Amino acid sequence: DTAVYYCNVRLGLLAPDHWGQGTQVTV
């Protein structure tokens, strides 16, 4: 599961993606 995790949001059906800055998870 170790990876950089990114949040993604979409504001509409055809809207572009918005991304978070990423947060490191290390197991």
mmCIF file of all heavy atoms, coordinates in Angstrom:
data_MODEL
# 
_entry.id   MODEL 
# 
loop_
_atom_site.group_PDB 
_atom_site.id 
_atom_site.type_symbol 
_atom_site.label_atom_id 
_atom_site.label_alt_id 
_atom_site.label_comp_id 
_atom_site.label_asym_id 
_atom_site.label_entity_id 
_atom_site.label_seq_id 
_atom_site.pdbx_PDB_ins_code 
_atom_site.Cartn_x 
_atom_site.Cartn_y 
_atom_site.Cartn_z 
_atom_site.occupancy 
_atom_site.B_iso_or_equiv 
_atom_site.pdbx_formal_charge 
_atom_site.auth_seq_id 
_atom_site.auth_comp_id 
_atom_site.auth_asym_id 
_atom_site.auth_atom_id 
_atom_site.pdbx_PDB_model_num 
ATOM 1   N N   . ASP A 1 1  ? 0.817   -1.207 0.000   1.00 0.00 ? 1  ASP A N   1 
ATOM 2   C CA  . ASP A 1 1  ? 0.000   0.000  0.000   1.00 0.00 ? 1  ASP A CA  1 
ATOM 3   C C   . ASP A 1 1  ? 0.854   1.262  0.000   1.00 0.00 ? 1  ASP A C   1 
ATOM 4   O O   . ASP A 1 1  ? 0.319   2.365  -0.126  1.00 0.00 ? 1  ASP A O   1 
ATOM 5   C CB  . ASP A 1 1  ? -0.931  0.026  1.213   1.00 0.00 ? 1  ASP A CB  1 
ATOM 6   C CG  . ASP A 1 1  ? -1.975  -1.078 1.176   1.00 0.00 ? 1  ASP A CG  1 
ATOM 7   O OD1 . ASP A 1 1  ? -2.525  -1.351 0.091   1.00 0.00 ? 1  ASP A OD1 1 
ATOM 8   O OD2 . ASP A 1 1  ? -2.245  -1.667 2.242   1.00 0.00 ? 1  ASP A OD2 1 
ATOM 9   N N   . THR A 1 2  ? 2.148   1.108  0.173   1.00 0.00 ? 2  THR A N   1 
ATOM 10  C CA  . THR A 1 2  ? 3.046   2.252  0.190   1.00 0.00 ? 2  THR A CA  1 
ATOM 11  C C   . THR A 1 2  ? 2.984   2.993  -1.144  1.00 0.00 ? 2  THR A C   1 
ATOM 12  O O   . THR A 1 2  ? 3.191   2.408  -2.203  1.00 0.00 ? 2  THR A O   1 
ATOM 13  C CB  . THR A 1 2  ? 4.483   1.805  0.470   1.00 0.00 ? 2  THR A CB  1 
ATOM 14  O OG1 . THR A 1 2  ? 4.552   1.233  1.783   1.00 0.00 ? 2  THR A OG1 1 
ATOM 15  C CG2 . THR A 1 2  ? 5.442   2.984  0.397   1.00 0.00 ? 2  THR A CG2 1 
ATOM 16  N N   . ALA A 1 3  ? 2.692   4.274  -1.079  1.00 0.00 ? 3  ALA A N   1 
ATOM 17  C CA  . ALA A 1 3  ? 2.555   5.088  -2.280  1.00 0.00 ? 3  ALA A CA  1 
ATOM 18  C C   . ALA A 1 3  ? 2.280   6.523  -1.871  1.00 0.00 ? 3  ALA A C   1 
ATOM 19  O O   . ALA A 1 3  ? 2.042   6.818  -0.698  1.00 0.00 ? 3  ALA A O   1 
ATOM 20  C CB  . ALA A 1 3  ? 1.411   4.571  -3.155  1.00 0.00 ? 3  ALA A CB  1 
ATOM 21  N N   . VAL A 1 4  ? 2.318   7.392  -2.851  1.00 0.00 ? 4  VAL A N   1 
ATOM 22  C CA  . VAL A 1 4  ? 1.803   8.735  -2.663  1.00 0.00 ? 4  VAL A CA  1 
ATOM 23  C C   . VAL A 1 4  ? 0.327   8.694  -3.025  1.00 0.00 ? 4  VAL A C   1 
ATOM 24  O O   . VAL A 1 4  ? -0.036  8.249  -4.115  1.00 0.00 ? 4  VAL A O   1 
ATOM 25  C CB  . VAL A 1 4  ? 2.543   9.768  -3.530  1.00 0.00 ? 4  VAL A CB  1 
ATOM 26  C CG1 . VAL A 1 4  ? 1.919   11.145 -3.362  1.00 0.00 ? 4  VAL A CG1 1 
ATOM 27  C CG2 . VAL A 1 4  ? 4.021   9.809  -3.164  1.00 0.00 ? 4  VAL A CG2 1 
ATOM 28  N N   . TYR A 1 5  ? -0.497  9.142  -2.120  1.00 0.00 ? 5  TYR A N   1 
ATOM 29  C CA  . TYR A 1 5  ? -1.935  9.129  -2.326  1.00 0.00 ? 5  TYR A CA  1 
ATOM 30  C C   . TYR A 1 5  ? -2.419  10.516 -2.714  1.00 0.00 ? 5  TYR A C   1 
ATOM 31  O O   . TYR A 1 5  ? -2.073  11.514 -2.083  1.00 0.00 ? 5  TYR A O   1 
ATOM 32  C CB  . TYR A 1 5  ? -2.646  8.657  -1.054  1.00 0.00 ? 5  TYR A CB  1 
ATOM 33  C CG  . TYR A 1 5  ? -2.544  7.169  -0.839  1.00 0.00 ? 5  TYR A CG  1 
ATOM 34  C CD1 . TYR A 1 5  ? -1.333  6.582  -0.490  1.00 0.00 ? 5  TYR A CD1 1 
ATOM 35  C CD2 . TYR A 1 5  ? -3.653  6.349  -1.009  1.00 0.00 ? 5  TYR A CD2 1 
ATOM 36  C CE1 . TYR A 1 5  ? -1.235  5.213  -0.320  1.00 0.00 ? 5  TYR A CE1 1 
ATOM 37  C CE2 . TYR A 1 5  ? -3.560  4.977  -0.832  1.00 0.00 ? 5  TYR A CE2 1 
ATOM 38  C CZ  . TYR A 1 5  ? -2.347  4.413  -0.489  1.00 0.00 ? 5  TYR A CZ  1 
ATOM 39  O OH  . TYR A 1 5  ? -2.257  3.054  -0.314  1.00 0.00 ? 5  TYR A OH  1 
ATOM 40  N N   . TYR A 1 6  ? -3.226  10.554 -3.761  1.00 0.00 ? 6  TYR A N   1 
ATOM 41  C CA  . TYR A 1 6  ? -3.721  11.813 -4.300  1.00 0.00 ? 6  TYR A CA  1 
ATOM 42  C C   . TYR A 1 6  ? -5.241  11.866 -4.242  1.00 0.00 ? 6  TYR A C   1 
ATOM 43  O O   . TYR A 1 6  ? -5.924  10.913 -4.626  1.00 0.00 ? 6  TYR A O   1 
ATOM 44  C CB  . TYR A 1 6  ? -3.296  11.992 -5.763  1.00 0.00 ? 6  TYR A CB  1 
ATOM 45  C CG  . TYR A 1 6  ? -1.807  12.083 -5.977  1.00 0.00 ? 6  TYR A CG  1 
ATOM 46  C CD1 . TYR A 1 6  ? -1.057  10.950 -6.246  1.00 0.00 ? 6  TYR A CD1 1 
ATOM 47  C CD2 . TYR A 1 6  ? -1.164  13.316 -5.926  1.00 0.00 ? 6  TYR A CD2 1 
ATOM 48  C CE1 . TYR A 1 6  ? 0.310   11.030 -6.455  1.00 0.00 ? 6  TYR A CE1 1 
ATOM 49  C CE2 . TYR A 1 6  ? 0.203   13.406 -6.140  1.00 0.00 ? 6  TYR A CE2 1 
ATOM 50  C CZ  . TYR A 1 6  ? 0.932   12.261 -6.405  1.00 0.00 ? 6  TYR A CZ  1 
ATOM 51  O OH  . TYR A 1 6  ? 2.290   12.346 -6.620  1.00 0.00 ? 6  TYR A OH  1 
ATOM 52  N N   . CYS A 1 7  ? -5.747  12.969 -3.793  1.00 0.00 ? 7  CYS A N   1 
ATOM 53  C CA  . CYS A 1 7  ? -7.165  13.233 -3.841  1.00 0.00 ? 7  CYS A CA  1 
ATOM 54  C C   . CYS A 1 7  ? -7.525  13.774 -5.219  1.00 0.00 ? 7  CYS A C   1 
ATOM 55  O O   . CYS A 1 7  ? -6.776  14.554 -5.807  1.00 0.00 ? 7  CYS A O   1 
ATOM 56  C CB  . CYS A 1 7  ? -7.536  14.247 -2.759  1.00 0.00 ? 7  CYS A CB  1 
ATOM 57  S SG  . CYS A 1 7  ? -9.267  14.739 -2.732  1.00 0.00 ? 7  CYS A SG  1 
ATOM 58  N N   . ASN A 1 8  ? -8.665  13.350 -5.730  1.00 0.00 ? 8  ASN A N   1 
ATOM 59  C CA  . ASN A 1 8  ? -9.141  13.790 -7.031  1.00 0.00 ? 8  ASN A CA  1 
ATOM 60  C C   . ASN A 1 8  ? -10.607 14.178 -6.919  1.00 0.00 ? 8  ASN A C   1 
ATOM 61  O O   . ASN A 1 8  ? -11.396 13.461 -6.315  1.00 0.00 ? 8  ASN A O   1 
ATOM 62  C CB  . ASN A 1 8  ? -8.966  12.673 -8.059  1.00 0.00 ? 8  ASN A CB  1 
ATOM 63  C CG  . ASN A 1 8  ? -9.614  12.984 -9.398  1.00 0.00 ? 8  ASN A CG  1 
ATOM 64  O OD1 . ASN A 1 8  ? -10.813 12.781 -9.586  1.00 0.00 ? 8  ASN A OD1 1 
ATOM 65  N ND2 . ASN A 1 8  ? -8.813  13.469 -10.339 1.00 0.00 ? 8  ASN A ND2 1 
ATOM 66  N N   . VAL A 1 9  ? -10.953 15.309 -7.510  1.00 0.00 ? 9  VAL A N   1 
ATOM 67  C CA  . VAL A 1 9  ? -12.351 15.724 -7.540  1.00 0.00 ? 9  VAL A CA  1 
ATOM 68  C C   . VAL A 1 9  ? -12.727 16.136 -8.953  1.00 0.00 ? 9  VAL A C   1 
ATOM 69  O O   . VAL A 1 9  ? -11.899 16.616 -9.722  1.00 0.00 ? 9  VAL A O   1 
ATOM 70  C CB  . VAL A 1 9  ? -12.653 16.876 -6.557  1.00 0.00 ? 9  VAL A CB  1 
ATOM 71  C CG1 . VAL A 1 9  ? -12.254 16.496 -5.146  1.00 0.00 ? 9  VAL A CG1 1 
ATOM 72  C CG2 . VAL A 1 9  ? -11.967 18.163 -6.984  1.00 0.00 ? 9  VAL A CG2 1 
ATOM 73  N N   . ARG A 1 10 ? -13.990 15.934 -9.261  1.00 0.00 ? 10 ARG A N   1 
ATOM 74  C CA  . ARG A 1 10 ? -14.549 16.367 -10.526 1.00 0.00 ? 10 ARG A CA  1 
ATOM 75  C C   . ARG A 1 10 ? -15.795 17.177 -10.236 1.00 0.00 ? 10 ARG A C   1 
ATOM 76  O O   . ARG A 1 10 ? -16.650 16.769 -9.441  1.00 0.00 ? 10 ARG A O   1 
ATOM 77  C CB  . ARG A 1 10 ? -14.857 15.173 -11.423 1.00 0.00 ? 10 ARG A CB  1 
ATOM 78  C CG  . ARG A 1 10 ? -15.374 15.556 -12.792 1.00 0.00 ? 10 ARG A CG  1 
ATOM 79  C CD  . ARG A 1 10 ? -15.316 14.394 -13.754 1.00 0.00 ? 10 ARG A CD  1 
ATOM 80  N NE  . ARG A 1 10 ? -13.941 14.031 -14.083 1.00 0.00 ? 10 ARG A NE  1 
ATOM 81  C CZ  . ARG A 1 10 ? -13.612 13.060 -14.922 1.00 0.00 ? 10 ARG A CZ  1 
ATOM 82  N NH1 . ARG A 1 10 ? -14.558 12.343 -15.502 1.00 0.00 ? 10 ARG A NH1 1 
ATOM 83  N NH2 . ARG A 1 10 ? -12.342 12.801 -15.162 1.00 0.00 ? 10 ARG A NH2 1 
ATOM 84  N N   . LEU A 1 11 ? -15.894 18.325 -10.871 1.00 0.00 ? 11 LEU A N   1 
ATOM 85  C CA  . LEU A 1 11 ? -16.972 19.256 -10.586 1.00 0.00 ? 11 LEU A CA  1 
ATOM 86  C C   . LEU A 1 11 ? -18.169 19.099 -11.514 1.00 0.00 ? 11 LEU A C   1 
ATOM 87  O O   . LEU A 1 11 ? -19.198 19.742 -11.304 1.00 0.00 ? 11 LEU A O   1 
ATOM 88  C CB  . LEU A 1 11 ? -16.454 20.692 -10.655 1.00 0.00 ? 11 LEU A CB  1 
ATOM 89  C CG  . LEU A 1 11 ? -15.230 20.993 -9.783  1.00 0.00 ? 11 LEU A CG  1 
ATOM 90  C CD1 . LEU A 1 11 ? -14.892 22.474 -9.850  1.00 0.00 ? 11 LEU A CD1 1 
ATOM 91  C CD2 . LEU A 1 11 ? -15.470 20.567 -8.341  1.00 0.00 ? 11 LEU A CD2 1 
ATOM 92  N N   . GLY A 1 12 ? -18.055 18.275 -12.509 1.00 0.00 ? 12 GLY A N   1 
ATOM 93  C CA  . GLY A 1 12 ? -19.144 18.040 -13.439 1.00 0.00 ? 12 GLY A CA  1 
ATOM 94  C C   . GLY A 1 12 ? -18.826 16.864 -14.327 1.00 0.00 ? 12 GLY A C   1 
ATOM 95  O O   . GLY A 1 12 ? -17.700 16.358 -14.336 1.00 0.00 ? 12 GLY A O   1 
ATOM 96  N N   . LEU A 1 13 ? -19.816 16.432 -15.090 1.00 0.00 ? 13 LEU A N   1 
ATOM 97  C CA  . LEU A 1 13 ? -19.646 15.262 -15.938 1.00 0.00 ? 13 LEU A CA  1 
ATOM 98  C C   . LEU A 1 13 ? -18.474 15.414 -16.903 1.00 0.00 ? 13 LEU A C   1 
ATOM 99  O O   . LEU A 1 13 ? -17.704 14.473 -17.102 1.00 0.00 ? 13 LEU A O   1 
ATOM 100 C CB  . LEU A 1 13 ? -20.938 14.994 -16.711 1.00 0.00 ? 13 LEU A CB  1 
ATOM 101 C CG  . LEU A 1 13 ? -20.928 13.792 -17.650 1.00 0.00 ? 13 LEU A CG  1 
ATOM 102 C CD1 . LEU A 1 13 ? -20.717 12.504 -16.865 1.00 0.00 ? 13 LEU A CD1 1 
ATOM 103 C CD2 . LEU A 1 13 ? -22.238 13.723 -18.424 1.00 0.00 ? 13 LEU A CD2 1 
ATOM 104 N N   . LEU A 1 14 ? -18.343 16.584 -17.489 1.00 0.00 ? 14 LEU A N   1 
ATOM 105 C CA  . LEU A 1 14 ? -17.288 16.819 -18.466 1.00 0.00 ? 14 LEU A CA  1 
ATOM 106 C C   . LEU A 1 14 ? -16.216 17.763 -17.946 1.00 0.00 ? 14 LEU A C   1 
ATOM 107 O O   . LEU A 1 14 ? -15.387 18.247 -18.714 1.00 0.00 ? 14 LEU A O   1 
ATOM 108 C CB  . LEU A 1 14 ? -17.892 17.377 -19.761 1.00 0.00 ? 14 LEU A CB  1 
ATOM 109 C CG  . LEU A 1 14 ? -18.937 16.500 -20.451 1.00 0.00 ? 14 LEU A CG  1 
ATOM 110 C CD1 . LEU A 1 14 ? -19.473 17.195 -21.687 1.00 0.00 ? 14 LEU A CD1 1 
ATOM 111 C CD2 . LEU A 1 14 ? -18.349 15.140 -20.806 1.00 0.00 ? 14 LEU A CD2 1 
ATOM 112 N N   . ALA A 1 15 ? -16.213 18.017 -16.672 1.00 0.00 ? 15 ALA A N   1 
ATOM 113 C CA  . ALA A 1 15 ? -15.240 18.924 -16.087 1.00 0.00 ? 15 ALA A CA  1 
ATOM 114 C C   . ALA A 1 15 ? -13.887 18.250 -15.940 1.00 0.00 ? 15 ALA A C   1 
ATOM 115 O O   . ALA A 1 15 ? -13.803 17.025 -15.785 1.00 0.00 ? 15 ALA A O   1 
ATOM 116 C CB  . ALA A 1 15 ? -15.726 19.412 -14.729 1.00 0.00 ? 15 ALA A CB  1 
ATOM 117 N N   . PRO A 1 16 ? -12.822 19.040 -15.970 1.00 0.00 ? 16 PRO A N   1 
ATOM 118 C CA  . PRO A 1 16 ? -11.494 18.450 -15.773 1.00 0.00 ? 16 PRO A CA  1 
ATOM 119 C C   . PRO A 1 16 ? -11.269 18.027 -14.334 1.00 0.00 ? 16 PRO A C   1 
ATOM 120 O O   . PRO A 1 16 ? -11.952 18.480 -13.416 1.00 0.00 ? 16 PRO A O   1 
ATOM 121 C CB  . PRO A 1 16 ? -10.555 19.595 -16.170 1.00 0.00 ? 16 PRO A CB  1 
ATOM 122 C CG  . PRO A 1 16 ? -11.338 20.831 -15.873 1.00 0.00 ? 16 PRO A CG  1 
ATOM 123 C CD  . PRO A 1 16 ? -12.762 20.482 -16.220 1.00 0.00 ? 16 PRO A CD  1 
ATOM 124 N N   . ASP A 1 17 ? -10.295 17.159 -14.146 1.00 0.00 ? 17 ASP A N   1 
ATOM 125 C CA  . ASP A 1 17 ? -9.942  16.703 -12.810 1.00 0.00 ? 17 ASP A CA  1 
ATOM 126 C C   . ASP A 1 17 ? -9.175  17.768 -12.054 1.00 0.00 ? 17 ASP A C   1 
ATOM 127 O O   . ASP A 1 17 ? -8.426  18.558 -12.626 1.00 0.00 ? 17 ASP A O   1 
ATOM 128 C CB  . ASP A 1 17 ? -9.078  15.445 -12.883 1.00 0.00 ? 17 ASP A CB  1 
ATOM 129 C CG  . ASP A 1 17 ? -9.831  14.238 -13.395 1.00 0.00 ? 17 ASP A CG  1 
ATOM 130 O OD1 . ASP A 1 17 ? -11.060 14.158 -13.180 1.00 0.00 ? 17 ASP A OD1 1 
ATOM 131 O OD2 . ASP A 1 17 ? -9.184  13.364 -14.004 1.00 0.00 ? 17 ASP A OD2 1 
ATOM 132 N N   . HIS A 1 18 ? -9.361  17.777 -10.756 1.00 0.00 ? 18 HIS A N   1 
ATOM 133 C CA  . HIS A 1 18 ? -8.553  18.578 -9.852  1.00 0.00 ? 18 HIS A CA  1 
ATOM 134 C C   . HIS A 1 18 ? -7.849  17.626 -8.903  1.00 0.00 ? 18 HIS A C   1 
ATOM 135 O O   . HIS A 1 18 ? -8.452  16.673 -8.403  1.00 0.00 ? 18 HIS A O   1 
ATOM 136 C CB  . HIS A 1 18 ? -9.410  19.574 -9.068  1.00 0.00 ? 18 HIS A CB  1 
ATOM 137 C CG  . HIS A 1 18 ? -10.029 20.635 -9.919  1.00 0.00 ? 18 HIS A CG  1 
ATOM 138 N ND1 . HIS A 1 18 ? -9.452  21.878 -10.096 1.00 0.00 ? 18 HIS A ND1 1 
ATOM 139 C CD2 . HIS A 1 18 ? -11.166 20.644 -10.650 1.00 0.00 ? 18 HIS A CD2 1 
ATOM 140 C CE1 . HIS A 1 18 ? -10.219 22.599 -10.895 1.00 0.00 ? 18 HIS A CE1 1 
ATOM 141 N NE2 . HIS A 1 18 ? -11.258 21.876 -11.253 1.00 0.00 ? 18 HIS A NE2 1 
ATOM 142 N N   . TRP A 1 19 ? -6.590  17.905 -8.659  1.00 0.00 ? 19 TRP A N   1 
ATOM 143 C CA  . TRP A 1 19 ? -5.764  17.004 -7.864  1.00 0.00 ? 19 TRP A CA  1 
ATOM 144 C C   . TRP A 1 19 ? -5.220  17.677 -6.614  1.00 0.00 ? 19 TRP A C   1 
ATOM 145 O O   . TRP A 1 19 ? -4.857  18.854 -6.627  1.00 0.00 ? 19 TRP A O   1 
ATOM 146 C CB  . TRP A 1 19 ? -4.572  16.501 -8.690  1.00 0.00 ? 19 TRP A CB  1 
ATOM 147 C CG  . TRP A 1 19 ? -4.977  15.655 -9.862  1.00 0.00 ? 19 TRP A CG  1 
ATOM 148 C CD1 . TRP A 1 19 ? -5.195  16.064 -11.139 1.00 0.00 ? 19 TRP A CD1 1 
ATOM 149 C CD2 . TRP A 1 19 ? -5.196  14.243 -9.841  1.00 0.00 ? 19 TRP A CD2 1 
ATOM 150 N NE1 . TRP A 1 19 ? -5.546  14.991 -11.927 1.00 0.00 ? 19 TRP A NE1 1 
ATOM 151 C CE2 . TRP A 1 19 ? -5.554  13.865 -11.165 1.00 0.00 ? 19 TRP A CE2 1 
ATOM 152 C CE3 . TRP A 1 19 ? -5.125  13.261 -8.850  1.00 0.00 ? 19 TRP A CE3 1 
ATOM 153 C CZ2 . TRP A 1 19 ? -5.840  12.543 -11.514 1.00 0.00 ? 19 TRP A CZ2 1 
ATOM 154 C CZ3 . TRP A 1 19 ? -5.417  11.950 -9.197  1.00 0.00 ? 19 TRP A CZ3 1 
ATOM 155 C CH2 . TRP A 1 19 ? -5.760  11.605 -10.515 1.00 0.00 ? 19 TRP A CH2 1 
ATOM 156 N N   . GLY A 1 20 ? -5.158  16.905 -5.551  1.00 0.00 ? 20 GLY A N   1 
ATOM 157 C CA  . GLY A 1 20 ? -4.487  17.358 -4.358  1.00 0.00 ? 20 GLY A CA  1 
ATOM 158 C C   . GLY A 1 20 ? -2.986  17.271 -4.521  1.00 0.00 ? 20 GLY A C   1 
ATOM 159 O O   . GLY A 1 20 ? -2.475  16.783 -5.535  1.00 0.00 ? 20 GLY A O   1 
ATOM 160 N N   . GLN A 1 21 ? -2.266  17.740 -3.509  1.00 0.00 ? 21 GLN A N   1 
ATOM 161 C CA  . GLN A 1 21 ? -0.811  17.794 -3.613  1.00 0.00 ? 21 GLN A CA  1 
ATOM 162 C C   . GLN A 1 21 ? -0.143  16.444 -3.394  1.00 0.00 ? 21 GLN A C   1 
ATOM 163 O O   . GLN A 1 21 ? 1.044   16.290 -3.694  1.00 0.00 ? 21 GLN A O   1 
ATOM 164 C CB  . GLN A 1 21 ? -0.254  18.805 -2.599  1.00 0.00 ? 21 GLN A CB  1 
ATOM 165 C CG  . GLN A 1 21 ? -0.118  18.291 -1.162  1.00 0.00 ? 21 GLN A CG  1 
ATOM 166 C CD  . GLN A 1 21 ? -1.402  18.311 -0.363  1.00 0.00 ? 21 GLN A CD  1 
ATOM 167 O OE1 . GLN A 1 21 ? -2.480  18.570 -0.886  1.00 0.00 ? 21 GLN A OE1 1 
ATOM 168 N NE2 . GLN A 1 21 ? -1.297  18.039 0.940   1.00 0.00 ? 21 GLN A NE2 1 
ATOM 169 N N   . GLY A 1 22 ? -0.880  15.486 -2.900  1.00 0.00 ? 22 GLY A N   1 
ATOM 170 C CA  . GLY A 1 22 ? -0.340  14.176 -2.608  1.00 0.00 ? 22 GLY A CA  1 
ATOM 171 C C   . GLY A 1 22 ? 0.152   14.079 -1.181  1.00 0.00 ? 22 GLY A C   1 
ATOM 172 O O   . GLY A 1 22 ? 0.698   15.034 -0.630  1.00 0.00 ? 22 GLY A O   1 
ATOM 173 N N   . THR A 1 23 ? -0.052  12.924 -0.586  1.00 0.00 ? 23 THR A N   1 
ATOM 174 C CA  . THR A 1 23 ? 0.448   12.675 0.758   1.00 0.00 ? 23 THR A CA  1 
ATOM 175 C C   . THR A 1 23 ? 1.066   11.282 0.794   1.00 0.00 ? 23 THR A C   1 
ATOM 176 O O   . THR A 1 23 ? 0.504   10.323 0.279   1.00 0.00 ? 23 THR A O   1 
ATOM 177 C CB  . THR A 1 23 ? -0.676  12.816 1.811   1.00 0.00 ? 23 THR A CB  1 
ATOM 178 O OG1 . THR A 1 23 ? -0.139  12.650 3.124   1.00 0.00 ? 23 THR A OG1 1 
ATOM 179 C CG2 . THR A 1 23 ? -1.792  11.797 1.586   1.00 0.00 ? 23 THR A CG2 1 
ATOM 180 N N   . GLN A 1 24 ? 2.245   11.191 1.379   1.00 0.00 ? 24 GLN A N   1 
ATOM 181 C CA  . GLN A 1 24 ? 2.988   9.940  1.397   1.00 0.00 ? 24 GLN A CA  1 
ATOM 182 C C   . GLN A 1 24 ? 2.463   9.007  2.472   1.00 0.00 ? 24 GLN A C   1 
ATOM 183 O O   . GLN A 1 24 ? 2.327   9.395  3.631   1.00 0.00 ? 24 GLN A O   1 
ATOM 184 C CB  . GLN A 1 24 ? 4.474   10.211 1.635   1.00 0.00 ? 24 GLN A CB  1 
ATOM 185 C CG  . GLN A 1 24 ? 5.335   8.954  1.738   1.00 0.00 ? 24 GLN A CG  1 
ATOM 186 C CD  . GLN A 1 24 ? 5.495   8.248  0.419   1.00 0.00 ? 24 GLN A CD  1 
ATOM 187 O OE1 . GLN A 1 24 ? 5.797   8.886  -0.594  1.00 0.00 ? 24 GLN A OE1 1 
ATOM 188 N NE2 . GLN A 1 24 ? 5.296   6.928  0.411   1.00 0.00 ? 24 GLN A NE2 1 
ATOM 189 N N   . VAL A 1 25 ? 2.187   7.780  2.069   1.00 0.00 ? 25 VAL A N   1 
ATOM 190 C CA  . VAL A 1 25 ? 1.834   6.711  3.003   1.00 0.00 ? 25 VAL A CA  1 
ATOM 191 C C   . VAL A 1 25 ? 2.900   5.636  2.884   1.00 0.00 ? 25 VAL A C   1 
ATOM 192 O O   . VAL A 1 25 ? 3.123   5.090  1.801   1.00 0.00 ? 25 VAL A O   1 
ATOM 193 C CB  . VAL A 1 25 ? 0.443   6.120  2.705   1.00 0.00 ? 25 VAL A CB  1 
ATOM 194 C CG1 . VAL A 1 25 ? 0.185   4.890  3.574   1.00 0.00 ? 25 VAL A CG1 1 
ATOM 195 C CG2 . VAL A 1 25 ? -0.636  7.169  2.934   1.00 0.00 ? 25 VAL A CG2 1 
ATOM 196 N N   . THR A 1 26 ? 3.559   5.350  3.984   1.00 0.00 ? 26 THR A N   1 
ATOM 197 C CA  . THR A 1 26 ? 4.600   4.335  3.999   1.00 0.00 ? 26 THR A CA  1 
ATOM 198 C C   . THR A 1 26 ? 4.233   3.274  5.024   1.00 0.00 ? 26 THR A C   1 
ATOM 199 O O   . THR A 1 26 ? 4.013   3.585  6.196   1.00 0.00 ? 26 THR A O   1 
ATOM 200 C CB  . THR A 1 26 ? 5.964   4.940  4.348   1.00 0.00 ? 26 THR A CB  1 
ATOM 201 O OG1 . THR A 1 26 ? 6.301   5.953  3.395   1.00 0.00 ? 26 THR A OG1 1 
ATOM 202 C CG2 . THR A 1 26 ? 7.045   3.863  4.339   1.00 0.00 ? 26 THR A CG2 1 
ATOM 203 N N   . VAL A 1 27 ? 4.156   2.037  4.566   1.00 0.00 ? 27 VAL A N   1 
ATOM 204 C CA  . VAL A 1 27 ? 3.833   0.907  5.430   1.00 0.00 ? 27 VAL A CA  1 
ATOM 205 C C   . VAL A 1 27 ? 5.082   0.043  5.532   1.00 0.00 ? 27 VAL A C   1 
ATOM 206 O O   . VAL A 1 27 ? 5.490   -0.591 4.565   1.00 0.00 ? 27 VAL A O   1 
ATOM 207 C CB  . VAL A 1 27 ? 2.658   0.092  4.886   1.00 0.00 ? 27 VAL A CB  1 
ATOM 208 C CG1 . VAL A 1 27 ? 2.288   -1.016 5.868   1.00 0.00 ? 27 VAL A CG1 1 
ATOM 209 C CG2 . VAL A 1 27 ? 1.460   0.999  4.620   1.00 0.00 ? 27 VAL A CG2 1 
# 
